């Protein structure tokens, strides 16, 4: 039993108002406000209309990029839930900062089996990665790799 908190535009708020909806629309916030407004237990990084995969052009894009939502949720101190085929999935698993799924159909079972110790480990690891994200560590690493190639 969980609620999906939705932020941003492009969403019909009345969809969240339906009886038994798992959606909880939070509204739109400026870039300066959003980090202070997002709260919850996880950040979901999933694109497309399918539960079984990230579909469409944006879903395919996840195969190749690091979505800005990853950094956003990590800066909010939230572990993330991401598609197992996403480019960022291996990093999430390696750093133990979230959950990777083949399908959102797995989410209920995975969350039901997640104990407080493992969740606390994820949150602790998120805090370590958060420091690196906010300091530009990963950007510096990427720039250094590019410079080394030329």
N, C-alpha and C. Protein backbone atom coordinates (compact mmCIF):
# COMPACT_ATOMS: atom_id res chain seq x y z
N UNK A 1 0.84 -1.19 0.00
CA UNK A 1 0.00 0.00 0.00
C UNK A 1 0.88 1.24 0.00
N UNK A 2 0.81 1.98 -1.05
CA UNK A 2 1.62 3.18 -1.18
C UNK A 2 0.88 4.20 -2.03
N UNK A 3 1.35 5.43 -1.95
CA UNK A 3 0.85 6.52 -2.79
C UNK A 3 1.99 6.98 -3.67
N UNK A 4 1.68 7.30 -4.90
CA UNK A 4 2.66 7.90 -5.80
C UNK A 4 2.42 9.40 -5.81
N UNK A 5 3.35 10.14 -5.23
CA UNK A 5 3.25 11.60 -5.23
C UNK A 5 3.77 12.11 -6.56
N UNK A 6 2.95 12.87 -7.24
CA UNK A 6 3.31 13.42 -8.55
C UNK A 6 3.57 14.91 -8.43
N UNK A 7 4.63 15.36 -9.06
CA UNK A 7 5.01 16.77 -9.07
C UNK A 7 5.14 17.23 -10.51
N UNK A 8 4.83 18.48 -10.77
CA UNK A 8 5.06 19.04 -12.09
C UNK A 8 3.79 19.25 -12.88
N UNK A 9 3.97 19.67 -14.13
CA UNK A 9 2.83 19.93 -14.99
C UNK A 9 2.64 18.77 -15.96
N UNK A 10 1.62 18.89 -16.78
CA UNK A 10 1.34 17.83 -17.75
C UNK A 10 0.56 16.68 -17.16
N UNK A 11 -0.06 16.91 -16.02
CA UNK A 11 -0.82 15.86 -15.36
C UNK A 11 -2.19 16.39 -15.01
N UNK A 12 -3.21 15.59 -15.20
CA UNK A 12 -4.58 15.97 -14.87
C UNK A 12 -4.83 15.64 -13.40
N UNK A 13 -4.93 16.66 -12.57
CA UNK A 13 -5.08 16.46 -11.13
C UNK A 13 -6.34 15.68 -10.78
N UNK A 14 -7.37 15.75 -11.61
CA UNK A 14 -8.60 15.01 -11.30
C UNK A 14 -8.37 13.50 -11.35
N UNK A 15 -7.35 13.05 -12.07
CA UNK A 15 -7.02 11.62 -12.08
C UNK A 15 -6.63 11.14 -10.68
N UNK A 16 -5.97 12.00 -9.93
CA UNK A 16 -5.55 11.64 -8.57
C UNK A 16 -6.70 11.69 -7.58
N UNK A 17 -7.77 12.36 -7.95
CA UNK A 17 -8.90 12.52 -7.04
C UNK A 17 -9.90 11.36 -7.12
N UNK A 18 -9.67 10.43 -8.03
CA UNK A 18 -10.58 9.29 -8.16
C UNK A 18 -10.49 8.39 -6.94
N UNK A 19 -11.60 7.76 -6.60
CA UNK A 19 -11.64 6.85 -5.47
C UNK A 19 -10.62 5.73 -5.67
N UNK A 20 -9.93 5.40 -4.60
CA UNK A 20 -8.92 4.33 -4.59
C UNK A 20 -7.71 4.62 -5.48
N UNK A 21 -7.49 5.86 -5.86
CA UNK A 21 -6.31 6.19 -6.66
C UNK A 21 -5.06 6.12 -5.80
N UNK A 22 -3.99 5.60 -6.37
CA UNK A 22 -2.71 5.61 -5.66
C UNK A 22 -1.95 6.90 -5.94
N UNK A 23 -2.54 7.78 -6.77
CA UNK A 23 -1.89 9.03 -7.15
C UNK A 23 -2.21 10.13 -6.15
N UNK A 24 -1.20 10.92 -5.84
CA UNK A 24 -1.35 12.06 -4.93
C UNK A 24 -0.63 13.25 -5.57
N UNK A 25 -1.38 14.08 -6.27
CA UNK A 25 -0.79 15.19 -7.01
C UNK A 25 -0.36 16.30 -6.05
N UNK A 26 0.91 16.69 -6.11
CA UNK A 26 1.48 17.67 -5.20
C UNK A 26 1.57 19.08 -5.77
N UNK A 27 1.48 19.21 -7.08
CA UNK A 27 1.53 20.53 -7.70
C UNK A 27 2.83 20.80 -8.43
N UNK A 28 2.99 22.07 -8.80
CA UNK A 28 4.14 22.53 -9.57
C UNK A 28 4.96 23.47 -8.70
N UNK A 29 6.26 23.32 -8.72
CA UNK A 29 7.15 24.16 -7.93
C UNK A 29 8.27 24.69 -8.81
N UNK A 30 8.77 25.84 -8.46
CA UNK A 30 9.89 26.43 -9.20
C UNK A 30 11.15 25.60 -8.95
N UNK A 31 12.14 25.73 -9.83
CA UNK A 31 13.40 25.00 -9.61
C UNK A 31 14.04 25.32 -8.26
N UNK A 32 13.83 26.53 -7.77
CA UNK A 32 14.40 26.91 -6.48
C UNK A 32 13.67 26.25 -5.32
N UNK A 33 12.41 25.90 -5.50
CA UNK A 33 11.60 25.33 -4.42
C UNK A 33 11.56 23.81 -4.41
N UNK A 34 11.71 23.20 -5.57
CA UNK A 34 11.35 21.79 -5.72
C UNK A 34 12.09 20.86 -4.76
N UNK A 35 13.36 21.09 -4.51
CA UNK A 35 14.11 20.20 -3.61
C UNK A 35 13.55 20.25 -2.20
N UNK A 36 13.07 21.41 -1.78
CA UNK A 36 12.48 21.53 -0.44
C UNK A 36 11.07 20.97 -0.37
N UNK A 37 10.41 20.80 -1.50
CA UNK A 37 9.02 20.36 -1.53
C UNK A 37 8.85 18.86 -1.72
N UNK A 38 9.78 18.22 -2.39
CA UNK A 38 9.64 16.78 -2.65
C UNK A 38 9.93 16.01 -1.37
N UNK A 39 9.02 15.11 -1.05
CA UNK A 39 9.22 14.26 0.12
C UNK A 39 8.62 12.90 -0.15
N UNK A 40 8.99 11.95 0.63
CA UNK A 40 8.49 10.59 0.46
C UNK A 40 9.57 9.60 0.84
N UNK A 41 9.41 8.37 0.39
CA UNK A 41 10.37 7.32 0.71
C UNK A 41 11.29 6.97 -0.45
N UNK A 42 10.79 7.17 -1.67
CA UNK A 42 11.56 6.87 -2.89
C UNK A 42 11.22 7.89 -3.96
N UNK A 43 12.13 8.04 -4.92
CA UNK A 43 11.85 8.78 -6.14
C UNK A 43 11.74 7.78 -7.28
N UNK A 44 10.67 7.88 -8.06
CA UNK A 44 10.44 6.95 -9.16
C UNK A 44 10.94 7.55 -10.47
N UNK A 45 11.81 6.82 -11.14
CA UNK A 45 12.34 7.23 -12.45
C UNK A 45 11.81 6.22 -13.46
N UNK A 46 10.73 6.58 -14.12
CA UNK A 46 10.05 5.66 -15.04
C UNK A 46 9.36 6.49 -16.09
N UNK A 47 9.59 6.22 -17.34
CA UNK A 47 8.97 6.99 -18.43
C UNK A 47 8.12 6.09 -19.30
N UNK A 48 7.03 6.66 -19.80
CA UNK A 48 6.14 5.93 -20.69
C UNK A 48 4.86 5.52 -19.99
N UNK A 49 3.97 4.92 -20.75
CA UNK A 49 2.66 4.53 -20.23
C UNK A 49 2.57 3.07 -19.82
N UNK A 50 3.62 2.30 -20.01
CA UNK A 50 3.58 0.87 -19.72
C UNK A 50 4.14 0.58 -18.32
N UNK A 51 3.55 -0.41 -17.67
CA UNK A 51 4.06 -0.85 -16.38
C UNK A 51 5.22 -1.83 -16.53
N UNK A 52 5.25 -2.52 -17.66
CA UNK A 52 6.22 -3.59 -17.85
C UNK A 52 7.56 -3.13 -18.40
N UNK A 53 7.63 -1.90 -18.86
CA UNK A 53 8.88 -1.35 -19.38
C UNK A 53 8.74 0.16 -19.51
N UNK A 54 9.85 0.82 -19.69
CA UNK A 54 9.82 2.25 -20.01
C UNK A 54 9.63 2.34 -21.51
N UNK A 55 8.52 2.90 -21.94
CA UNK A 55 8.14 2.85 -23.35
C UNK A 55 8.22 4.22 -24.01
N UNK A 56 8.10 4.21 -25.33
CA UNK A 56 8.11 5.45 -26.09
C UNK A 56 9.51 6.02 -26.20
N UNK A 57 9.58 7.21 -26.79
CA UNK A 57 10.88 7.85 -27.00
C UNK A 57 11.60 8.15 -25.70
N UNK A 58 10.87 8.64 -24.69
CA UNK A 58 11.51 8.95 -23.41
C UNK A 58 11.96 7.68 -22.69
N UNK A 59 11.18 6.62 -22.83
CA UNK A 59 11.58 5.34 -22.26
C UNK A 59 12.85 4.82 -22.90
N UNK A 60 12.94 4.92 -24.21
CA UNK A 60 14.15 4.50 -24.92
C UNK A 60 15.34 5.36 -24.51
N UNK A 61 15.08 6.63 -24.24
CA UNK A 61 16.14 7.55 -23.84
C UNK A 61 16.79 7.09 -22.52
N UNK A 62 16.00 6.46 -21.65
CA UNK A 62 16.55 5.97 -20.38
C UNK A 62 17.62 4.90 -20.58
N UNK A 63 17.61 4.26 -21.74
CA UNK A 63 18.63 3.26 -22.03
C UNK A 63 20.02 3.87 -22.15
N UNK A 64 20.08 5.19 -22.41
CA UNK A 64 21.35 5.83 -22.74
C UNK A 64 21.78 6.97 -21.82
N UNK A 65 20.86 7.52 -21.04
CA UNK A 65 21.24 8.72 -20.29
C UNK A 65 21.04 8.57 -18.79
N UNK A 66 21.50 9.57 -18.08
CA UNK A 66 21.25 9.71 -16.65
C UNK A 66 20.18 10.79 -16.51
N UNK A 67 18.94 10.42 -16.25
CA UNK A 67 17.86 11.42 -16.19
C UNK A 67 18.10 12.43 -15.07
N UNK A 68 17.72 13.66 -15.31
CA UNK A 68 17.88 14.70 -14.28
C UNK A 68 17.13 14.33 -13.01
N UNK A 69 16.07 13.52 -13.14
CA UNK A 69 15.30 13.10 -11.95
C UNK A 69 16.18 12.32 -10.98
N UNK A 70 17.15 11.59 -11.49
CA UNK A 70 18.04 10.84 -10.61
C UNK A 70 18.74 11.79 -9.65
N UNK A 71 19.37 12.81 -10.19
CA UNK A 71 20.07 13.79 -9.34
C UNK A 71 19.10 14.53 -8.44
N UNK A 72 17.93 14.87 -8.98
CA UNK A 72 16.93 15.59 -8.18
C UNK A 72 16.54 14.77 -6.96
N UNK A 73 16.16 13.52 -7.16
CA UNK A 73 15.73 12.70 -6.03
C UNK A 73 16.87 12.46 -5.05
N UNK A 74 18.08 12.24 -5.55
CA UNK A 74 19.21 12.04 -4.66
C UNK A 74 19.49 13.30 -3.84
N UNK A 75 19.37 14.47 -4.46
CA UNK A 75 19.56 15.72 -3.72
C UNK A 75 18.46 15.93 -2.68
N UNK A 76 17.31 15.30 -2.90
CA UNK A 76 16.22 15.34 -1.92
C UNK A 76 16.42 14.29 -0.82
N UNK A 77 17.47 13.49 -0.94
CA UNK A 77 17.75 12.46 0.05
C UNK A 77 16.93 11.19 -0.12
N UNK A 78 16.38 10.99 -1.32
CA UNK A 78 15.51 9.84 -1.56
C UNK A 78 16.22 8.74 -2.35
N UNK A 79 16.15 7.50 -1.87
CA UNK A 79 16.55 6.40 -2.74
C UNK A 79 15.63 6.38 -3.96
N UNK A 80 16.07 5.76 -5.03
CA UNK A 80 15.29 5.79 -6.26
C UNK A 80 14.84 4.39 -6.68
N UNK A 81 13.77 4.37 -7.46
CA UNK A 81 13.27 3.17 -8.10
C UNK A 81 13.41 3.41 -9.59
N UNK A 82 14.10 2.51 -10.28
CA UNK A 82 14.40 2.73 -11.69
C UNK A 82 14.27 1.42 -12.47
N UNK A 83 13.99 1.56 -13.74
CA UNK A 83 13.90 0.43 -14.66
C UNK A 83 15.26 -0.26 -14.74
N UNK A 84 15.28 -1.57 -14.63
CA UNK A 84 16.53 -2.34 -14.62
C UNK A 84 17.34 -2.20 -15.90
N UNK A 85 16.69 -1.85 -17.03
CA UNK A 85 17.40 -1.68 -18.29
C UNK A 85 17.90 -0.25 -18.50
N UNK A 86 17.59 0.65 -17.60
CA UNK A 86 18.04 2.04 -17.73
C UNK A 86 19.55 2.10 -17.58
N UNK A 87 20.16 3.05 -18.25
CA UNK A 87 21.61 3.22 -18.18
C UNK A 87 22.09 3.46 -16.75
N UNK A 88 21.30 4.13 -15.96
CA UNK A 88 21.68 4.48 -14.59
C UNK A 88 21.51 3.32 -13.62
N UNK A 89 20.85 2.23 -14.03
CA UNK A 89 20.51 1.13 -13.12
C UNK A 89 21.74 0.49 -12.48
N UNK A 90 22.79 0.27 -13.24
CA UNK A 90 23.99 -0.36 -12.68
C UNK A 90 24.61 0.50 -11.59
N UNK A 91 24.59 1.82 -11.79
CA UNK A 91 25.10 2.75 -10.77
C UNK A 91 24.24 2.66 -9.51
N UNK A 92 22.93 2.62 -9.68
CA UNK A 92 22.01 2.54 -8.54
C UNK A 92 22.30 1.27 -7.74
N UNK A 93 22.47 0.16 -8.44
CA UNK A 93 22.76 -1.11 -7.77
C UNK A 93 24.13 -1.10 -7.10
N UNK A 94 25.14 -0.61 -7.81
CA UNK A 94 26.50 -0.60 -7.27
C UNK A 94 26.60 0.24 -6.00
N UNK A 95 25.98 1.40 -6.03
CA UNK A 95 26.04 2.32 -4.88
C UNK A 95 24.99 1.99 -3.81
N UNK A 96 24.11 1.04 -4.11
CA UNK A 96 23.04 0.64 -3.19
C UNK A 96 22.21 1.85 -2.75
N UNK A 97 21.72 2.59 -3.77
CA UNK A 97 20.95 3.80 -3.48
C UNK A 97 19.52 3.71 -4.01
N UNK A 98 19.06 2.49 -4.20
CA UNK A 98 17.70 2.34 -4.67
C UNK A 98 17.41 0.93 -5.13
N UNK A 99 16.33 0.83 -5.87
CA UNK A 99 15.80 -0.45 -6.34
C UNK A 99 15.71 -0.41 -7.86
N UNK A 100 16.08 -1.50 -8.51
CA UNK A 100 15.89 -1.61 -9.95
C UNK A 100 14.84 -2.69 -10.21
N UNK A 101 13.96 -2.42 -11.15
CA UNK A 101 12.85 -3.32 -11.47
C UNK A 101 12.78 -3.60 -12.96
N UNK A 102 12.39 -4.81 -13.31
CA UNK A 102 12.09 -5.11 -14.70
C UNK A 102 10.74 -4.53 -15.10
N UNK A 103 9.83 -4.48 -14.13
CA UNK A 103 8.46 -4.04 -14.36
C UNK A 103 7.92 -3.41 -13.09
N UNK A 104 7.06 -2.42 -13.23
CA UNK A 104 6.41 -1.84 -12.05
C UNK A 104 5.48 -2.84 -11.38
N UNK A 105 5.12 -3.91 -12.09
CA UNK A 105 4.32 -4.97 -11.48
C UNK A 105 5.06 -5.63 -10.32
N UNK A 106 6.38 -5.50 -10.27
CA UNK A 106 7.20 -6.07 -9.19
C UNK A 106 7.21 -5.20 -7.94
N UNK A 107 6.75 -3.97 -8.06
CA UNK A 107 6.93 -3.00 -6.98
C UNK A 107 6.29 -3.42 -5.67
N UNK A 108 5.06 -3.90 -5.69
CA UNK A 108 4.40 -4.31 -4.44
C UNK A 108 5.22 -5.35 -3.69
N UNK A 109 5.67 -6.36 -4.40
CA UNK A 109 6.43 -7.45 -3.78
C UNK A 109 7.77 -6.95 -3.25
N UNK A 110 8.46 -6.16 -4.04
CA UNK A 110 9.77 -5.65 -3.63
C UNK A 110 9.64 -4.77 -2.38
N UNK A 111 8.66 -3.88 -2.37
CA UNK A 111 8.48 -3.02 -1.20
C UNK A 111 8.05 -3.82 0.03
N UNK A 112 7.20 -4.83 -0.17
CA UNK A 112 6.76 -5.66 0.95
C UNK A 112 7.92 -6.43 1.57
N UNK A 113 8.91 -6.77 0.77
CA UNK A 113 10.06 -7.53 1.26
C UNK A 113 11.24 -6.67 1.69
N UNK A 114 11.11 -5.37 1.57
CA UNK A 114 12.20 -4.46 1.96
C UNK A 114 12.13 -4.20 3.46
N UNK A 115 13.16 -4.60 4.17
CA UNK A 115 13.15 -4.37 5.62
C UNK A 115 13.77 -3.02 5.96
N UNK A 116 13.55 -2.60 7.19
CA UNK A 116 14.00 -1.27 7.61
C UNK A 116 15.52 -1.14 7.58
N UNK A 117 16.24 -2.22 7.84
CA UNK A 117 17.71 -2.16 7.81
C UNK A 117 18.21 -1.88 6.39
N UNK A 118 17.67 -2.59 5.41
CA UNK A 118 18.09 -2.37 4.02
C UNK A 118 17.69 -0.98 3.53
N UNK A 119 16.51 -0.52 3.94
CA UNK A 119 16.09 0.83 3.55
C UNK A 119 17.03 1.86 4.18
N UNK A 120 17.37 1.68 5.46
CA UNK A 120 18.28 2.61 6.14
C UNK A 120 19.65 2.64 5.46
N UNK A 121 20.11 1.48 4.98
CA UNK A 121 21.38 1.43 4.25
C UNK A 121 21.28 2.25 2.98
N UNK A 122 20.17 2.12 2.25
CA UNK A 122 19.98 2.91 1.03
C UNK A 122 20.02 4.40 1.36
N UNK A 123 19.29 4.81 2.38
CA UNK A 123 19.24 6.23 2.74
C UNK A 123 20.63 6.74 3.12
N UNK A 124 21.37 5.95 3.88
CA UNK A 124 22.73 6.33 4.26
C UNK A 124 23.62 6.48 3.02
N UNK A 125 23.50 5.54 2.10
CA UNK A 125 24.29 5.61 0.87
C UNK A 125 23.87 6.79 0.00
N UNK A 126 22.58 7.10 -0.02
CA UNK A 126 22.10 8.27 -0.76
C UNK A 126 22.76 9.53 -0.22
N UNK A 127 22.90 9.64 1.08
CA UNK A 127 23.53 10.82 1.67
C UNK A 127 24.97 10.99 1.19
N UNK A 128 25.68 9.88 1.05
CA UNK A 128 27.06 9.94 0.56
C UNK A 128 27.10 10.39 -0.91
N UNK A 129 26.22 9.83 -1.72
CA UNK A 129 26.17 10.19 -3.14
C UNK A 129 25.67 11.62 -3.30
N UNK A 130 24.75 12.03 -2.45
CA UNK A 130 24.20 13.40 -2.48
C UNK A 130 25.32 14.43 -2.36
N UNK A 131 26.26 14.20 -1.47
CA UNK A 131 27.39 15.11 -1.29
C UNK A 131 28.20 15.20 -2.58
N UNK A 132 28.40 14.06 -3.23
CA UNK A 132 29.17 14.05 -4.48
C UNK A 132 28.42 14.76 -5.60
N UNK A 133 27.11 14.54 -5.67
CA UNK A 133 26.30 15.21 -6.71
C UNK A 133 26.33 16.71 -6.50
N UNK A 134 26.10 17.16 -5.27
CA UNK A 134 26.01 18.60 -5.01
C UNK A 134 27.35 19.31 -5.13
N UNK A 135 28.44 18.58 -4.97
CA UNK A 135 29.77 19.20 -5.09
C UNK A 135 30.31 19.18 -6.52
N UNK A 136 29.61 18.50 -7.41
CA UNK A 136 30.07 18.41 -8.79
C UNK A 136 31.08 17.30 -9.03
N UNK A 137 31.21 16.40 -8.08
CA UNK A 137 32.19 15.31 -8.18
C UNK A 137 32.02 14.51 -9.47
N UNK A 138 30.79 14.09 -9.76
CA UNK A 138 30.56 13.25 -10.94
C UNK A 138 30.78 14.03 -12.23
N UNK A 139 30.46 15.30 -12.24
CA UNK A 139 30.73 16.15 -13.40
C UNK A 139 32.24 16.24 -13.63
N UNK A 140 32.98 16.47 -12.56
CA UNK A 140 34.44 16.55 -12.67
C UNK A 140 35.02 15.24 -13.20
N UNK A 141 34.51 14.12 -12.70
CA UNK A 141 34.98 12.82 -13.17
C UNK A 141 34.73 12.66 -14.67
N UNK A 142 33.54 13.06 -15.12
CA UNK A 142 33.20 12.94 -16.55
C UNK A 142 34.09 13.83 -17.40
N UNK A 143 34.31 15.06 -16.94
CA UNK A 143 35.17 15.99 -17.68
C UNK A 143 36.59 15.44 -17.77
N UNK A 144 37.10 14.93 -16.66
CA UNK A 144 38.45 14.36 -16.66
C UNK A 144 38.58 13.19 -17.63
N UNK A 145 37.55 12.36 -17.73
CA UNK A 145 37.58 11.23 -18.66
C UNK A 145 37.58 11.72 -20.11
N UNK A 146 36.78 12.75 -20.39
CA UNK A 146 36.73 13.31 -21.74
C UNK A 146 38.08 13.93 -22.10
N UNK A 147 38.65 14.70 -21.19
CA UNK A 147 39.94 15.35 -21.43
C UNK A 147 41.02 14.29 -21.67
N UNK A 148 40.96 13.20 -20.93
CA UNK A 148 41.95 12.14 -21.11
C UNK A 148 41.86 11.48 -22.48
N UNK A 149 40.68 11.55 -23.09
CA UNK A 149 40.49 10.95 -24.41
C UNK A 149 41.04 11.82 -25.55
N UNK A 150 41.18 13.12 -25.30
CA UNK A 150 41.63 14.01 -26.39
C UNK A 150 43.09 14.34 -26.31
